């Protein structure tokens, strides 16, 4: 619709489960594991490279103008937490855990468990926990890493590093405190690094215009209630965008830049996932717990829980190890994937 409105050409690419074959190549360019967002940027950049050399990206829109569900969710948790803790920790938690998982983006089951679990955390720790909720929270790391590998870590407190920023005096309103924390952590360490490396993997220059220093400073000066207003995410940014974009675009439900990995892992990638879990380099070297890796793999495959983000990270780690520790060639890794994917 946007392309039609402004006389541009729209280009579409349909992605299938064979995305898994791109993992070694993506890690080669990233130098580190990454979550599914990296795959989306990699594929979009590959498509763009056929037509242009410079693109504009929207990185920073959510972090500057309050676009993530967890910003709105923190206030919802405060309201939910008015209920007695015993009720939330027993009856309501069991009800949330009993909701069937659909393996879709931001499913009802995920939202209900997110609300239930985080309401049981200390108020000062809720945002740090929400950062990693779908990935590896501190309690998951306790189970993932073996006792021997945990003993060798000098500083395993990732929560403290988040709270140091969240609890600083740089912002007062809780929304601004979340935005400030994201801008100091998630933006430079995650989004901007992924955007730069995945686009340059195809010799495309991505310019994140919403991360321009002047825009960031201006956004920081806007009162929080204009960014998140009556539960509407990115309220002010949408108000400005309404001058230029079709209403249908602005009214669309928020959708992450990701793929149905949870479903693919239970279907086309099932044998790949099972075999990889059994042959994990990290388990072999005593870094990860074999029992925990098997357990979350089985829970996902049997439909008991959606672990797709955690499993994707473990898959990335395996191929990162093969590339940078075993010095295994990309060709060899592709052959390995082909042998595992039916």
C-alpha atoms as a PDB file:
ATOM      1  CA  UNK A   1       0.000   0.000   0.000  1.00  0.00           C
ATOM      2  CA  UNK A   2       2.846   2.391   0.784  1.00  0.00           C
ATOM      3  CA  UNK A   3       4.563   1.591  -2.503  1.00  0.00           C
ATOM      4  CA  UNK A   4       1.356   2.229  -4.431  1.00  0.00           C
ATOM      5  CA  UNK A   5       0.791   5.512  -2.648  1.00  0.00           C
ATOM      6  CA  UNK A   6       4.229   6.878  -3.497  1.00  0.00           C
ATOM      7  CA  UNK A   7       4.823   5.250  -6.862  1.00  0.00           C
ATOM      8  CA  UNK A   8       7.560   2.920  -5.637  1.00  0.00           C
ATOM      9  CA  UNK A   9       8.311  -0.691  -6.552  1.00  0.00           C
ATOM     10  CA  UNK A  10       7.627  -3.325  -3.904  1.00  0.00           C
ATOM     11  CA  UNK A  11       9.743  -6.502  -3.868  1.00  0.00           C
ATOM     12  CA  UNK A  12       8.634  -9.658  -2.085  1.00  0.00           C
ATOM     13  CA  UNK A  13      10.527 -12.734  -0.966  1.00  0.00           C
ATOM     14  CA  UNK A  14       8.860 -15.785   0.577  1.00  0.00           C
ATOM     15  CA  UNK A  15      10.998 -17.522   3.179  1.00  0.00           C
ATOM     16  CA  UNK A  16      10.796 -21.222   3.996  1.00  0.00           C
ATOM     17  CA  UNK A  17      12.334 -23.522   6.597  1.00  0.00           C
ATOM     18  CA  UNK A  18      15.495 -23.846   4.489  1.00  0.00           C
ATOM     19  CA  UNK A  19      16.474 -20.575   6.179  1.00  0.00           C
ATOM     20  CA  UNK A  20      18.458 -22.844   8.517  1.00  0.00           C
ATOM     21  CA  UNK A  21      21.030 -23.353   5.760  1.00  0.00           C
ATOM     22  CA  UNK A  22      21.971 -19.681   5.980  1.00  0.00           C
ATOM     23  CA  UNK A  23      22.968 -19.841   9.656  1.00  0.00           C
ATOM     24  CA  UNK A  24      26.698 -20.580   9.120  1.00  0.00           C
ATOM     25  CA  UNK A  25      26.984 -17.740   6.613  1.00  0.00           C
ATOM     26  CA  UNK A  26      25.172 -15.285   8.908  1.00  0.00           C
ATOM     27  CA  UNK A  27      27.379 -16.204  11.870  1.00  0.00           C
ATOM     28  CA  UNK A  28      30.460 -15.814   9.696  1.00  0.00           C
ATOM     29  CA  UNK A  29      29.511 -12.178   9.090  1.00  0.00           C
ATOM     30  CA  UNK A  30      28.187 -11.526  12.618  1.00  0.00           C
ATOM     31  CA  UNK A  31      31.216 -13.020  14.446  1.00  0.00           C
ATOM     32  CA  UNK A  32      28.762 -14.030  17.170  1.00  0.00           C
ATOM     33  CA  UNK A  33      25.409 -15.775  17.646  1.00  0.00           C
ATOM     34  CA  UNK A  34      22.252 -13.731  17.141  1.00  0.00           C
ATOM     35  CA  UNK A  35      18.508 -14.115  17.586  1.00  0.00           C
ATOM     36  CA  UNK A  36      16.065 -14.537  14.642  1.00  0.00           C
ATOM     37  CA  UNK A  37      15.960 -10.791  13.977  1.00  0.00           C
ATOM     38  CA  UNK A  38      19.380 -11.109  12.341  1.00  0.00           C
ATOM     39  CA  UNK A  39      18.021 -13.569   9.796  1.00  0.00           C
ATOM     40  CA  UNK A  40      15.316 -11.098   8.770  1.00  0.00           C
ATOM     41  CA  UNK A  41      17.842  -8.308   8.220  1.00  0.00           C
ATOM     42  CA  UNK A  42      20.167 -10.684   6.346  1.00  0.00           C
ATOM     43  CA  UNK A  43      17.431 -11.750   3.913  1.00  0.00           C
ATOM     44  CA  UNK A  44      16.034  -8.225   3.460  1.00  0.00           C
ATOM     45  CA  UNK A  45      19.555  -6.944   2.739  1.00  0.00           C
ATOM     46  CA  UNK A  46      20.159  -9.714   0.232  1.00  0.00           C
ATOM     47  CA  UNK A  47      16.971  -8.762  -1.579  1.00  0.00           C
ATOM     48  CA  UNK A  48      17.809  -5.040  -1.460  1.00  0.00           C
ATOM     49  CA  UNK A  49      21.318  -5.673  -2.826  1.00  0.00           C
ATOM     50  CA  UNK A  50      19.784  -6.720  -6.143  1.00  0.00           C
ATOM     51  CA  UNK A  51      18.468  -3.188  -6.639  1.00  0.00           C
ATOM     52  CA  UNK A  52      20.266  -0.600  -4.451  1.00  0.00           C
ATOM     53  CA  UNK A  53      23.455   0.012  -2.473  1.00  0.00           C
ATOM     54  CA  UNK A  54      22.060   2.219   0.318  1.00  0.00           C
ATOM     55  CA  UNK A  55      18.890   1.648   2.359  1.00  0.00           C
ATOM     56  CA  UNK A  56      17.125   3.347   5.269  1.00  0.00           C
ATOM     57  CA  UNK A  57      16.265   1.285   8.344  1.00  0.00           C
ATOM     58  CA  UNK A  58      13.824   1.904  11.179  1.00  0.00           C
ATOM     59  CA  UNK A  59      16.138   0.862  14.019  1.00  0.00           C
ATOM     60  CA  UNK A  60      15.493   3.125  16.980  1.00  0.00           C
ATOM     61  CA  UNK A  61      11.803   3.749  16.397  1.00  0.00           C
ATOM     62  CA  UNK A  62      10.726   1.428  19.195  1.00  0.00           C
ATOM     63  CA  UNK A  63      13.506   2.428  21.598  1.00  0.00           C
ATOM     64  CA  UNK A  64      12.975   6.177  21.160  1.00  0.00           C
ATOM     65  CA  UNK A  65       9.186   6.294  20.992  1.00  0.00           C
ATOM     66  CA  UNK A  66       8.059   3.312  23.140  1.00  0.00           C
ATOM     67  CA  UNK A  67       7.116   0.642  20.642  1.00  0.00           C
ATOM     68  CA  UNK A  68       7.570  -2.633  22.515  1.00  0.00           C
ATOM     69  CA  UNK A  69       4.828  -4.533  24.314  1.00  0.00           C
ATOM     70  CA  UNK A  70       6.962  -4.748  27.447  1.00  0.00           C
ATOM     71  CA  UNK A  71       6.741  -0.957  27.890  1.00  0.00           C
ATOM     72  CA  UNK A  72       2.976  -1.191  28.113  1.00  0.00           C
ATOM     73  CA  UNK A  73       3.185  -4.472  29.986  1.00  0.00           C
ATOM     74  CA  UNK A  74       5.130  -3.036  32.921  1.00  0.00           C
ATOM     75  CA  UNK A  75       2.164  -0.854  33.835  1.00  0.00           C
ATOM     76  CA  UNK A  76      -0.188  -3.795  33.407  1.00  0.00           C
ATOM     77  CA  UNK A  77       1.971  -5.813  35.809  1.00  0.00           C
ATOM     78  CA  UNK A  78       1.660  -3.070  38.408  1.00  0.00           C
ATOM     79  CA  UNK A  79      -2.128  -3.332  38.212  1.00  0.00           C
ATOM     80  CA  UNK A  80      -2.102  -7.157  38.192  1.00  0.00           C
ATOM     81  CA  UNK A  81       0.203  -7.167  41.212  1.00  0.00           C
ATOM     82  CA  UNK A  82      -2.522  -5.533  43.308  1.00  0.00           C
ATOM     83  CA  UNK A  83      -4.008  -9.039  43.572  1.00  0.00           C
ATOM     84  CA  UNK A  84      -2.726 -11.054  46.555  1.00  0.00           C
ATOM     85  CA  UNK A  85       0.607 -12.747  45.833  1.00  0.00           C
ATOM     86  CA  UNK A  86      -0.665 -16.139  47.045  1.00  0.00           C
ATOM     87  CA  UNK A  87      -3.456 -15.983  44.452  1.00  0.00           C
ATOM     88  CA  UNK A  88      -1.074 -15.026  41.637  1.00  0.00           C
ATOM     89  CA  UNK A  89       1.494 -17.650  42.633  1.00  0.00           C
ATOM     90  CA  UNK A  90      -0.970 -20.518  42.868  1.00  0.00           C
ATOM     91  CA  UNK A  91      -4.347 -20.469  41.129  1.00  0.00           C
ATOM     92  CA  UNK A  92      -3.652 -17.808  38.483  1.00  0.00           C
ATOM     93  CA  UNK A  93      -0.189 -19.142  37.649  1.00  0.00           C
ATOM     94  CA  UNK A  94      -1.598 -22.637  37.099  1.00  0.00           C
ATOM     95  CA  UNK A  95      -4.268 -21.180  34.830  1.00  0.00           C
ATOM     96  CA  UNK A  96      -1.665 -19.250  32.800  1.00  0.00           C
ATOM     97  CA  UNK A  97       0.574 -22.314  32.493  1.00  0.00           C
ATOM     98  CA  UNK A  98      -2.387 -24.398  31.314  1.00  0.00           C
ATOM     99  CA  UNK A  99      -3.092 -22.238  28.232  1.00  0.00           C
ATOM    100  CA  UNK A 100      -2.127 -24.271  25.124  1.00  0.00           C
ATOM    101  CA  UNK A 101       0.833 -22.907  23.171  1.00  0.00           C
ATOM    102  CA  UNK A 102       0.109 -21.895  19.556  1.00  0.00           C
ATOM    103  CA  UNK A 103       3.789 -21.310  18.670  1.00  0.00           C
ATOM    104  CA  UNK A 104       2.885 -17.979  17.075  1.00  0.00           C
ATOM    105  CA  UNK A 105       4.340 -14.504  17.587  1.00  0.00           C
ATOM    106  CA  UNK A 106       3.273 -13.006  20.944  1.00  0.00           C
ATOM    107  CA  UNK A 107       0.783 -15.810  21.525  1.00  0.00           C
ATOM    108  CA  UNK A 108      -1.889 -15.621  24.223  1.00  0.00           C
ATOM    109  CA  UNK A 109      -0.015 -18.277  26.189  1.00  0.00           C
ATOM    110  CA  UNK A 110       3.233 -16.259  26.076  1.00  0.00           C
ATOM    111  CA  UNK A 111       1.504 -13.058  27.183  1.00  0.00           C
ATOM    112  CA  UNK A 112      -0.347 -14.763  30.045  1.00  0.00           C
ATOM    113  CA  UNK A 113       2.798 -16.464  31.353  1.00  0.00           C
ATOM    114  CA  UNK A 114       4.828 -13.275  30.948  1.00  0.00           C
ATOM    115  CA  UNK A 115       2.318 -11.359  33.069  1.00  0.00           C
ATOM    116  CA  UNK A 116       2.071 -14.135  35.648  1.00  0.00           C
ATOM    117  CA  UNK A 117       5.798 -14.818  36.019  1.00  0.00           C
ATOM    118  CA  UNK A 118       6.992 -11.210  36.100  1.00  0.00           C
ATOM    119  CA  UNK A 119       4.371 -10.219  38.646  1.00  0.00           C
ATOM    120  CA  UNK A 120       6.136 -12.598  41.050  1.00  0.00           C
ATOM    121  CA  UNK A 121       9.503 -10.829  40.599  1.00  0.00           C
ATOM    122  CA  UNK A 122      10.641  -7.946  42.741  1.00  0.00           C
ATOM    123  CA  UNK A 123       9.500  -4.638  41.197  1.00  0.00           C
ATOM    124  CA  UNK A 124      13.128  -3.565  40.718  1.00  0.00           C
ATOM    125  CA  UNK A 125      13.915  -6.733  38.734  1.00  0.00           C
ATOM    126  CA  UNK A 126      10.873  -6.944  36.480  1.00  0.00           C
ATOM    127  CA  UNK A 127      12.271  -5.000  33.560  1.00  0.00           C
ATOM    128  CA  UNK A 128      15.575  -6.871  33.590  1.00  0.00           C
ATOM    129  CA  UNK A 129      13.621 -10.130  33.575  1.00  0.00           C
ATOM    130  CA  UNK A 130      11.391  -8.933  30.729  1.00  0.00           C
ATOM    131  CA  UNK A 131      14.552  -8.291  28.679  1.00  0.00           C
ATOM    132  CA  UNK A 132      15.326 -11.993  28.484  1.00  0.00           C
ATOM    133  CA  UNK A 133      11.937 -13.580  29.113  1.00  0.00           C
ATOM    134  CA  UNK A 134      11.739 -15.525  25.837  1.00  0.00           C
ATOM    135  CA  UNK A 135      15.460 -16.244  25.893  1.00  0.00           C
ATOM    136  CA  UNK A 136      17.532 -17.304  28.912  1.00  0.00           C
ATOM    137  CA  UNK A 137      16.519 -15.766  32.219  1.00  0.00           C
ATOM    138  CA  UNK A 138      18.845 -16.179  35.222  1.00  0.00           C
ATOM    139  CA  UNK A 139      16.955 -19.278  36.365  1.00  0.00           C
ATOM    140  CA  UNK A 140      17.371 -20.839  32.908  1.00  0.00           C
ATOM    141  CA  UNK A 141      21.099 -20.108  32.917  1.00  0.00           C
ATOM    142  CA  UNK A 142      21.398 -21.901  36.239  1.00  0.00           C
ATOM    143  CA  UNK A 143      20.068 -25.028  34.542  1.00  0.00           C
ATOM    144  CA  UNK A 144      21.755 -24.532  31.165  1.00  0.00           C
ATOM    145  CA  UNK A 145      25.336 -24.157  32.397  1.00  0.00           C
ATOM    146  CA  UNK A 146      26.978 -27.077  34.148  1.00  0.00           C
ATOM    147  CA  UNK A 147      28.126 -26.622  37.743  1.00  0.00           C
ATOM    148  CA  UNK A 148      31.746 -26.742  36.591  1.00  0.00           C
ATOM    149  CA  UNK A 149      31.306 -23.997  33.985  1.00  0.00           C
ATOM    150  CA  UNK A 150      29.336 -21.790  36.409  1.00  0.00           C
ATOM    151  CA  UNK A 151      32.154 -22.077  38.932  1.00  0.00           C
ATOM    152  CA  UNK A 152      34.589 -20.624  36.396  1.00  0.00           C
ATOM    153  CA  UNK A 153      32.518 -17.469  35.801  1.00  0.00           C
ATOM    154  CA  UNK A 154      33.747 -14.438  37.692  1.00  0.00           C
ATOM    155  CA  UNK A 155      30.643 -12.315  37.034  1.00  0.00           C
ATOM    156  CA  UNK A 156      27.434 -13.950  35.869  1.00  0.00           C
ATOM    157  CA  UNK A 157      25.070 -11.180  36.999  1.00  0.00           C
ATOM    158  CA  UNK A 158      23.553  -9.861  33.777  1.00  0.00           C
ATOM    159  CA  UNK A 159      20.502  -8.596  35.704  1.00  0.00           C
ATOM    160  CA  UNK A 160      22.641  -6.194  37.709  1.00  0.00           C
ATOM    161  CA  UNK A 161      24.047  -4.626  34.559  1.00  0.00           C
ATOM    162  CA  UNK A 162      20.517  -3.840  33.355  1.00  0.00           C
ATOM    163  CA  UNK A 163      19.342  -2.506  36.714  1.00  0.00           C
ATOM    164  CA  UNK A 164      22.371  -0.252  37.052  1.00  0.00           C
ATOM    165  CA  UNK A 165      21.001   1.739  34.111  1.00  0.00           C
ATOM    166  CA  UNK A 166      17.308   1.279  34.865  1.00  0.00           C
ATOM    167  CA  UNK A 167      17.718   2.539  38.448  1.00  0.00           C
ATOM    168  CA  UNK A 168      19.989   5.463  37.526  1.00  0.00           C
ATOM    169  CA  UNK A 169      18.872   9.074  37.960  1.00  0.00           C
ATOM    170  CA  UNK A 170      18.904   9.792  34.220  1.00  0.00           C
ATOM    171  CA  UNK A 171      15.119   9.404  33.972  1.00  0.00           C
ATOM    172  CA  UNK A 172      12.151   9.476  36.358  1.00  0.00           C
ATOM    173  CA  UNK A 173       9.095   8.103  34.540  1.00  0.00           C
ATOM    174  CA  UNK A 174       9.157   4.310  34.284  1.00  0.00           C
ATOM    175  CA  UNK A 175       8.684   4.446  30.488  1.00  0.00           C
ATOM    176  CA  UNK A 176      11.655   6.788  30.107  1.00  0.00           C
ATOM    177  CA  UNK A 177      13.731   4.556  32.389  1.00  0.00           C
ATOM    178  CA  UNK A 178      12.978   1.594  30.119  1.00  0.00           C
ATOM    179  CA  UNK A 179      13.762   3.586  26.979  1.00  0.00           C
ATOM    180  CA  UNK A 180      17.035   4.846  28.444  1.00  0.00           C
ATOM    181  CA  UNK A 181      18.069   1.311  29.390  1.00  0.00           C
ATOM    182  CA  UNK A 182      17.271   0.039  25.891  1.00  0.00           C
ATOM    183  CA  UNK A 183      19.173   2.870  24.232  1.00  0.00           C
ATOM    184  CA  UNK A 184      22.250   2.128  26.337  1.00  0.00           C
ATOM    185  CA  UNK A 185      22.178  -1.652  25.921  1.00  0.00           C
ATOM    186  CA  UNK A 186      19.924  -3.188  23.290  1.00  0.00           C
ATOM    187  CA  UNK A 187      20.600  -0.582  20.619  1.00  0.00           C
ATOM    188  CA  UNK A 188      24.421  -0.605  20.463  1.00  0.00           C
ATOM    189  CA  UNK A 189      24.958  -4.235  21.514  1.00  0.00           C
ATOM    190  CA  UNK A 190      22.187  -5.829  19.489  1.00  0.00           C
ATOM    191  CA  UNK A 191      20.129  -3.946  16.912  1.00  0.00           C
ATOM    192  CA  UNK A 192      22.708  -1.616  15.417  1.00  0.00           C
ATOM    193  CA  UNK A 193      25.372  -4.331  15.335  1.00  0.00           C
ATOM    194  CA  UNK A 194      23.013  -6.723  13.555  1.00  0.00           C
ATOM    195  CA  UNK A 195      21.788  -4.071  11.122  1.00  0.00           C
ATOM    196  CA  UNK A 196      25.323  -3.054  10.187  1.00  0.00           C
ATOM    197  CA  UNK A 197      26.836  -6.522   9.827  1.00  0.00           C
ATOM    198  CA  UNK A 198      23.911  -8.239   8.114  1.00  0.00           C
ATOM    199  CA  UNK A 199      23.536  -5.442   5.553  1.00  0.00           C
ATOM    200  CA  UNK A 200      27.273  -5.183   4.901  1.00  0.00           C
ATOM    201  CA  UNK A 201      27.326  -8.954   4.357  1.00  0.00           C
ATOM    202  CA  UNK A 202      25.692  -8.017   1.032  1.00  0.00           C
ATOM    203  CA  UNK A 203      27.661  -4.773   0.565  1.00  0.00           C
ATOM    204  CA  UNK A 204      24.575  -2.723   1.392  1.00  0.00           C
ATOM    205  CA  UNK A 205      24.873   0.380   3.557  1.00  0.00           C
ATOM    206  CA  UNK A 206      21.996   0.658   6.027  1.00  0.00           C
ATOM    207  CA  UNK A 207      21.351   4.059   7.548  1.00  0.00           C
ATOM    208  CA  UNK A 208      19.254   3.962  10.760  1.00  0.00           C
ATOM    209  CA  UNK A 209      17.746   7.424  10.464  1.00  0.00           C
ATOM    210  CA  UNK A 210      15.682   7.151  13.672  1.00  0.00           C
ATOM    211  CA  UNK A 211      18.924   6.600  15.584  1.00  0.00           C
ATOM    212  CA  UNK A 212      20.358   9.935  14.486  1.00  0.00           C
ATOM    213  CA  UNK A 213      21.777  11.769  17.519  1.00  0.00           C
ATOM    214  CA  UNK A 214      19.461  14.760  17.119  1.00  0.00           C
ATOM    215  CA  UNK A 215      16.374  12.549  16.867  1.00  0.00           C
ATOM    216  CA  UNK A 216      17.429  10.552  19.932  1.00  0.00           C
ATOM    217  CA  UNK A 217      17.953  13.749  21.925  1.00  0.00           C
ATOM    218  CA  UNK A 218      14.629  15.178  20.752  1.00  0.00           C
ATOM    219  CA  UNK A 219      12.764  11.954  21.588  1.00  0.00           C
ATOM    220  CA  UNK A 220      14.300  11.935  25.074  1.00  0.00           C
ATOM    221  CA  UNK A 221      12.824  15.392  25.692  1.00  0.00           C
ATOM    222  CA  UNK A 222       9.265  14.322  24.813  1.00  0.00           C
ATOM    223  CA  UNK A 223       7.088  13.571  27.873  1.00  0.00           C
ATOM    224  CA  UNK A 224       6.590   9.828  28.358  1.00  0.00           C
ATOM    225  CA  UNK A 225       2.795  10.098  28.228  1.00  0.00           C
ATOM    226  CA  UNK A 226       3.016  11.262  24.599  1.00  0.00           C
ATOM    227  CA  UNK A 227       5.051   8.206  23.601  1.00  0.00           C
ATOM    228  CA  UNK A 228       2.836   5.683  25.388  1.00  0.00           C
ATOM    229  CA  UNK A 229      -0.659   7.165  25.634  1.00  0.00           C
ATOM    230  CA  UNK A 230      -3.645   5.242  26.975  1.00  0.00           C
ATOM    231  CA  UNK A 231      -1.859   1.989  26.174  1.00  0.00           C
ATOM    232  CA  UNK A 232      -1.076   2.967  22.559  1.00  0.00           C
ATOM    233  CA  UNK A 233       2.530   2.219  21.675  1.00  0.00           C
ATOM    234  CA  UNK A 234       4.482   4.875  19.725  1.00  0.00           C
ATOM    235  CA  UNK A 235       1.539   7.261  20.035  1.00  0.00           C
ATOM    236  CA  UNK A 236       3.409  10.400  18.934  1.00  0.00           C
ATOM    237  CA  UNK A 237       5.308   8.678  16.121  1.00  0.00           C
ATOM    238  CA  UNK A 238       2.040   7.267  14.777  1.00  0.00           C
ATOM    239  CA  UNK A 239       0.417  10.688  14.987  1.00  0.00           C
ATOM    240  CA  UNK A 240       3.131  12.110  12.760  1.00  0.00           C
ATOM    241  CA  UNK A 241       3.087   9.083  10.458  1.00  0.00           C
ATOM    242  CA  UNK A 242      -0.682   9.445   9.967  1.00  0.00           C
ATOM    243  CA  UNK A 243       0.065  12.423   7.696  1.00  0.00           C
ATOM    244  CA  UNK A 244       1.953  10.177   5.283  1.00  0.00           C
ATOM    245  CA  UNK A 245       0.847   6.544   5.647  1.00  0.00           C
ATOM    246  CA  UNK A 246      -2.446   4.724   4.971  1.00  0.00           C
ATOM    247  CA  UNK A 247      -4.613   4.132   8.042  1.00  0.00           C
ATOM    248  CA  UNK A 248      -4.508   0.389   7.433  1.00  0.00           C
ATOM    249  CA  UNK A 249      -0.728   0.418   7.872  1.00  0.00           C
ATOM    250  CA  UNK A 250      -0.861   2.356  11.134  1.00  0.00           C
ATOM    251  CA  UNK A 251      -3.669   0.185  12.521  1.00  0.00           C
ATOM    252  CA  UNK A 252      -1.913  -3.139  11.859  1.00  0.00           C
ATOM    253  CA  UNK A 253      -1.149  -5.255  14.943  1.00  0.00           C
ATOM    254  CA  UNK A 254       2.523  -5.155  15.893  1.00  0.00           C
ATOM    255  CA  UNK A 255       4.489  -8.025  14.385  1.00  0.00           C
ATOM    256  CA  UNK A 256       8.104  -8.882  15.075  1.00  0.00           C
ATOM    257  CA  UNK A 257      10.638  -9.149  12.257  1.00  0.00           C
ATOM    258  CA  UNK A 258      10.936 -12.906  12.640  1.00  0.00           C
ATOM    259  CA  UNK A 259       9.746 -16.254  11.267  1.00  0.00           C
ATOM    260  CA  UNK A 260       7.533 -19.165  12.396  1.00  0.00           C
ATOM    261  CA  UNK A 261      10.602 -20.908  13.800  1.00  0.00           C
ATOM    262  CA  UNK A 262       8.612 -22.545  16.578  1.00  0.00           C
ATOM    263  CA  UNK A 263       6.443 -24.373  14.045  1.00  0.00           C
ATOM    264  CA  UNK A 264       9.283 -25.159  11.646  1.00  0.00           C
ATOM    265  CA  UNK A 265      11.265 -26.732  14.492  1.00  0.00           C
ATOM    266  CA  UNK A 266       8.365 -29.103  15.150  1.00  0.00           C
ATOM    267  CA  UNK A 267       7.914 -30.012  11.480  1.00  0.00           C
ATOM    268  CA  UNK A 268      10.530 -29.585   8.720  1.00  0.00           C
ATOM    269  CA  UNK A 269      13.406 -28.996  11.162  1.00  0.00           C
ATOM    270  CA  UNK A 270      12.437 -31.632  13.703  1.00  0.00           C
ATOM    271  CA  UNK A 271      15.162 -34.163  12.864  1.00  0.00           C
ATOM    272  CA  UNK A 272      17.733 -31.381  12.544  1.00  0.00           C
ATOM    273  CA  UNK A 273      16.908 -30.064  16.017  1.00  0.00           C
ATOM    274  CA  UNK A 274      16.909 -33.496  17.641  1.00  0.00           C
ATOM    275  CA  UNK A 275      20.236 -34.538  16.160  1.00  0.00           C
ATOM    276  CA  UNK A 276      21.927 -31.241  16.901  1.00  0.00           C
ATOM    277  CA  UNK A 277      20.864 -31.411  20.555  1.00  0.00           C
ATOM    278  CA  UNK A 278      22.399 -34.869  20.834  1.00  0.00           C
ATOM    279  CA  UNK A 279      25.709 -33.756  19.290  1.00  0.00           C
ATOM    280  CA  UNK A 280      26.147 -30.384  20.984  1.00  0.00           C
ATOM    281  CA  UNK A 281      29.776 -29.235  21.215  1.00  0.00           C
ATOM    282  CA  UNK A 282      28.902 -27.311  24.377  1.00  0.00           C
ATOM    283  CA  UNK A 283      27.509 -30.437  26.020  1.00  0.00           C
ATOM    284  CA  UNK A 284      30.479 -32.465  24.821  1.00  0.00           C
ATOM    285  CA  UNK A 285      32.903 -30.030  26.480  1.00  0.00           C
ATOM    286  CA  UNK A 286      30.933 -29.905  29.717  1.00  0.00           C
ATOM    287  CA  UNK A 287      29.793 -26.283  29.340  1.00  0.00           C
ATOM    288  CA  UNK A 288      26.071 -26.984  29.000  1.00  0.00           C
ATOM    289  CA  UNK A 289      23.913 -29.503  30.833  1.00  0.00           C
ATOM    290  CA  UNK A 290      22.946 -32.354  28.496  1.00  0.00           C
ATOM    291  CA  UNK A 291      19.799 -32.991  30.531  1.00  0.00           C
ATOM    292  CA  UNK A 292      18.599 -29.380  30.215  1.00  0.00           C
ATOM    293  CA  UNK A 293      19.268 -29.175  26.458  1.00  0.00           C
ATOM    294  CA  UNK A 294      17.387 -32.445  25.921  1.00  0.00           C
ATOM    295  CA  UNK A 295      14.539 -31.317  28.157  1.00  0.00           C
ATOM    296  CA  UNK A 296      13.782 -28.013  26.418  1.00  0.00           C
ATOM    297  CA  UNK A 297      14.151 -29.722  23.027  1.00  0.00           C
ATOM    298  CA  UNK A 298      11.631 -32.400  24.028  1.00  0.00           C
ATOM    299  CA  UNK A 299       9.264 -29.848  25.569  1.00  0.00           C
ATOM    300  CA  UNK A 300       9.250 -27.907  22.335  1.00  0.00           C
ATOM    301  CA  UNK A 301       8.853 -30.918  20.061  1.00  0.00           C
ATOM    302  CA  UNK A 302       5.998 -32.335  22.152  1.00  0.00           C
ATOM    303  CA  UNK A 303       4.191 -28.980  22.274  1.00  0.00           C
ATOM    304  CA  UNK A 304       4.496 -28.504  26.038  1.00  0.00           C
ATOM    305  CA  UNK A 305       6.344 -25.168  25.712  1.00  0.00           C
ATOM    306  CA  UNK A 306       7.576 -22.785  23.029  1.00  0.00           C
ATOM    307  CA  UNK A 307      11.368 -22.602  23.356  1.00  0.00           C
ATOM    308  CA  UNK A 308      12.052 -21.427  19.801  1.00  0.00           C
ATOM    309  CA  UNK A 309      14.144 -18.377  20.786  1.00  0.00           C
ATOM    310  CA  UNK A 310      16.251 -20.400  23.219  1.00  0.00           C
ATOM    311  CA  UNK A 311      16.734 -23.229  20.739  1.00  0.00           C
ATOM    312  CA  UNK A 312      17.629 -20.797  17.953  1.00  0.00           C
ATOM    313  CA  UNK A 313      20.354 -19.309  20.153  1.00  0.00           C
ATOM    314  CA  UNK A 314      21.693 -22.791  20.922  1.00  0.00           C
ATOM    315  CA  UNK A 315      21.717 -23.604  17.200  1.00  0.00           C
ATOM    316  CA  UNK A 316      23.620 -20.373  16.533  1.00  0.00           C
ATOM    317  CA  UNK A 317      26.106 -21.196  19.266  1.00  0.00           C
ATOM    318  CA  UNK A 318      26.781 -24.606  17.780  1.00  0.00           C
ATOM    319  CA  UNK A 319      27.642 -23.213  14.366  1.00  0.00           C
ATOM    320  CA  UNK A 320      29.604 -20.341  15.913  1.00  0.00           C
ATOM    321  CA  UNK A 321      31.727 -22.946  17.692  1.00  0.00           C
ATOM    322  CA  UNK A 322      32.223 -24.916  14.498  1.00  0.00           C
ATOM    323  CA  UNK A 323      33.289 -21.767  12.627  1.00  0.00           C
ATOM    324  CA  UNK A 324      35.529 -20.063  15.156  1.00  0.00           C
ATOM    325  CA  UNK A 325      36.734 -22.836  17.457  1.00  0.00           C
ATOM    326  CA  UNK A 326      36.836 -25.857  15.148  1.00  0.00           C
ATOM    327  CA  UNK A 327      37.735 -23.715  12.093  1.00  0.00           C
ATOM    328  CA  UNK A 328      35.225 -25.734  10.073  1.00  0.00           C
ATOM    329  CA  UNK A 329      34.614 -24.378   6.579  1.00  0.00           C
ATOM    330  CA  UNK A 330      31.239 -23.033   5.469  1.00  0.00           C
ATOM    331  CA  UNK A 331      31.051 -25.822   2.882  1.00  0.00           C
ATOM    332  CA  UNK A 332      31.526 -28.465   5.569  1.00  0.00           C
ATOM    333  CA  UNK A 333      28.870 -26.892   7.767  1.00  0.00           C
ATOM    334  CA  UNK A 334      26.420 -26.750   4.857  1.00  0.00           C
ATOM    335  CA  UNK A 335      27.020 -30.444   4.228  1.00  0.00           C
ATOM    336  CA  UNK A 336      26.370 -31.111   7.905  1.00  0.00           C
ATOM    337  CA  UNK A 337      23.054 -29.210   7.758  1.00  0.00           C
ATOM    338  CA  UNK A 338      21.994 -30.977   4.565  1.00  0.00           C
ATOM    339  CA  UNK A 339      22.616 -34.319   6.250  1.00  0.00           C
ATOM    340  CA  UNK A 340      20.385 -33.345   9.193  1.00  0.00           C
ATOM    341  CA  UNK A 341      17.511 -31.628   7.352  1.00  0.00           C
ATOM    342  CA  UNK A 342      15.099 -34.072   5.735  1.00  0.00           C
END
